[in-house]
Amino acid sequence: MPSLLTPADQVLFDSLPGLCLVLDPSLNIVAQNEAHARATLTRRADTLGKFLFEVFPDNPNSNAAQGVSVLRQSLLNVLKTGPPTSSPVSSSMSRRRMAAAMCRASGG
């Protein structure tokens, strides 16, 4: 899936100082900046159009992993109520991947 951003918008998006991942209401990845891709050891071509938790699953080595369910609930709350929420970093998800997943769009 190609990015929804124009080439000029992608340059601007890539220049943002933080790790940015834009999700649609179905939690599919629609844009990813270069800093996010580097930090999460992913490639934009491999993440765009995919479900967030397909790309960033719970830690498969932990039976107690709850990072995905906590983050999913937080994102669903944002979709339902509008204002952003915060979620603690879970030890069951890689800190790098959790931090990256937390950067999400809030209506624009």
Protein backbone atom coordinates (compact mmCIF):
# COMPACT_ATOMS: atom_id res chain seq x y z
CA MET A 1 0.00 0.00 0.00
CA PRO A 2 1.48 3.37 -0.94
CA SER A 3 1.51 6.17 1.60
CA LEU A 4 -1.50 8.48 1.64
CA LEU A 5 0.92 11.40 1.82
CA THR A 6 2.12 13.31 -1.22
CA PRO A 7 5.90 13.26 -1.71
CA ALA A 8 6.12 16.82 -0.36
CA ASP A 9 4.01 15.90 2.69
CA GLN A 10 6.16 12.81 3.28
CA VAL A 11 9.30 15.00 3.36
CA LEU A 12 7.64 17.22 5.97
CA PHE A 13 6.37 14.21 7.94
CA ASP A 14 9.86 12.66 7.91
CA SER A 15 11.33 15.87 9.30
CA LEU A 16 9.21 15.70 12.47
CA PRO A 17 11.45 15.17 15.51
CA GLY A 18 9.41 12.34 17.05
CA LEU A 19 8.40 8.84 16.12
CA CYS A 20 5.14 9.16 14.21
CA LEU A 21 2.71 6.54 13.06
CA VAL A 22 -0.71 7.45 11.66
CA LEU A 23 -3.56 5.00 12.04
CA ASP A 24 -6.98 4.91 10.43
CA PRO A 25 -10.07 4.21 12.59
CA SER A 26 -9.62 0.46 11.96
CA LEU A 27 -6.09 0.70 13.46
CA ASN A 28 -4.41 0.12 10.12
CA ILE A 29 -1.14 1.98 9.54
CA VAL A 30 -1.57 4.69 6.89
CA ALA A 31 1.65 6.66 7.38
CA GLN A 32 4.97 6.18 9.13
CA ASN A 33 7.84 8.63 9.38
CA GLU A 34 11.43 7.61 8.83
CA ALA A 35 12.39 8.08 12.49
CA HIS A 36 9.63 5.64 13.49
CA ALA A 37 10.75 3.09 10.92
CA ARG A 38 14.37 3.28 12.11
CA ALA A 39 13.47 3.08 15.80
CA THR A 40 11.16 0.09 15.34
CA LEU A 41 13.42 -1.72 12.89
CA THR A 42 10.66 -1.76 10.28
CA ARG A 43 10.31 -0.56 6.71
CA ARG A 44 7.49 1.70 5.57
CA ALA A 45 6.84 -0.59 2.61
CA ASP A 46 6.24 -3.47 5.04
CA THR A 47 3.98 -1.61 7.48
CA LEU A 48 1.65 0.57 5.40
CA GLY A 49 -1.84 -0.84 5.13
CA LYS A 50 -1.28 -3.44 7.84
CA PHE A 51 -3.13 -3.78 11.12
CA LEU A 52 -1.14 -2.15 13.93
CA PHE A 53 -0.94 -5.29 16.06
CA GLU A 54 0.07 -7.46 13.11
CA VAL A 55 3.19 -5.29 12.79
CA PHE A 56 3.66 -4.71 16.55
CA PRO A 57 2.39 -7.83 18.35
CA ASP A 58 2.78 -8.72 22.02
CA ASN A 59 6.02 -10.33 23.08
CA PRO A 60 5.68 -13.96 21.95
CA ASN A 61 8.14 -15.04 24.66
CA SER A 62 5.85 -13.93 27.50
CA ASN A 63 2.66 -15.69 28.51
CA ALA A 64 1.75 -12.64 30.60
CA ALA A 65 2.07 -10.15 27.74
CA GLN A 66 -0.72 -7.57 27.91
CA GLY A 67 0.78 -4.67 25.97
CA VAL A 68 -1.43 -5.13 22.93
CA SER A 69 -4.66 -5.32 24.94
CA VAL A 70 -3.72 -2.23 26.99
CA LEU A 71 -2.76 -0.23 23.90
CA ARG A 72 -5.80 -1.46 21.94
CA GLN A 73 -8.12 -0.32 24.75
CA SER A 74 -6.38 3.06 24.90
CA LEU A 75 -6.75 3.56 21.15
CA LEU A 76 -10.41 2.48 21.23
CA ASN A 77 -11.01 5.00 24.01
CA VAL A 78 -9.46 7.73 21.85
CA LEU A 79 -11.73 6.77 18.95
CA LYS A 80 -14.77 6.77 21.21
CA THR A 81 -14.15 9.90 23.30
CA GLY A 82 -11.78 12.00 21.20
CA PRO A 83 -9.17 13.21 23.69
CA PRO A 84 -5.83 11.38 23.70
CA THR A 85 -4.99 9.10 26.59
CA SER A 86 -1.73 7.72 27.87
CA SER A 87 -0.75 4.14 28.51
CA PRO A 88 2.15 2.86 30.57
CA VAL A 89 4.97 1.11 28.76
CA SER A 90 4.47 -2.60 29.22
CA SER A 91 7.40 -4.80 30.02
CA SER A 92 5.85 -7.47 27.80
CA MET A 93 6.23 -5.39 24.65
CA SER A 94 9.58 -4.17 23.51
CA ARG A 95 9.98 -0.62 24.80
CA ARG A 96 11.08 0.48 21.36
CA ARG A 97 8.00 -0.95 19.67
CA MET A 98 5.61 0.28 22.37
CA ALA A 99 6.98 3.82 22.21
CA ALA A 100 6.61 3.79 18.47
CA ALA A 101 3.07 2.49 18.58
CA MET A 102 2.02 5.21 21.03
CA CYS A 103 2.59 8.01 18.49
CA ARG A 104 -0.80 8.15 16.82
CA ALA A 105 -2.97 10.58 14.90
CA SER A 106 -5.67 12.51 16.66
CA GLY A 107 -7.84 13.72 13.83
CA GLY A 108 -5.30 15.22 11.48
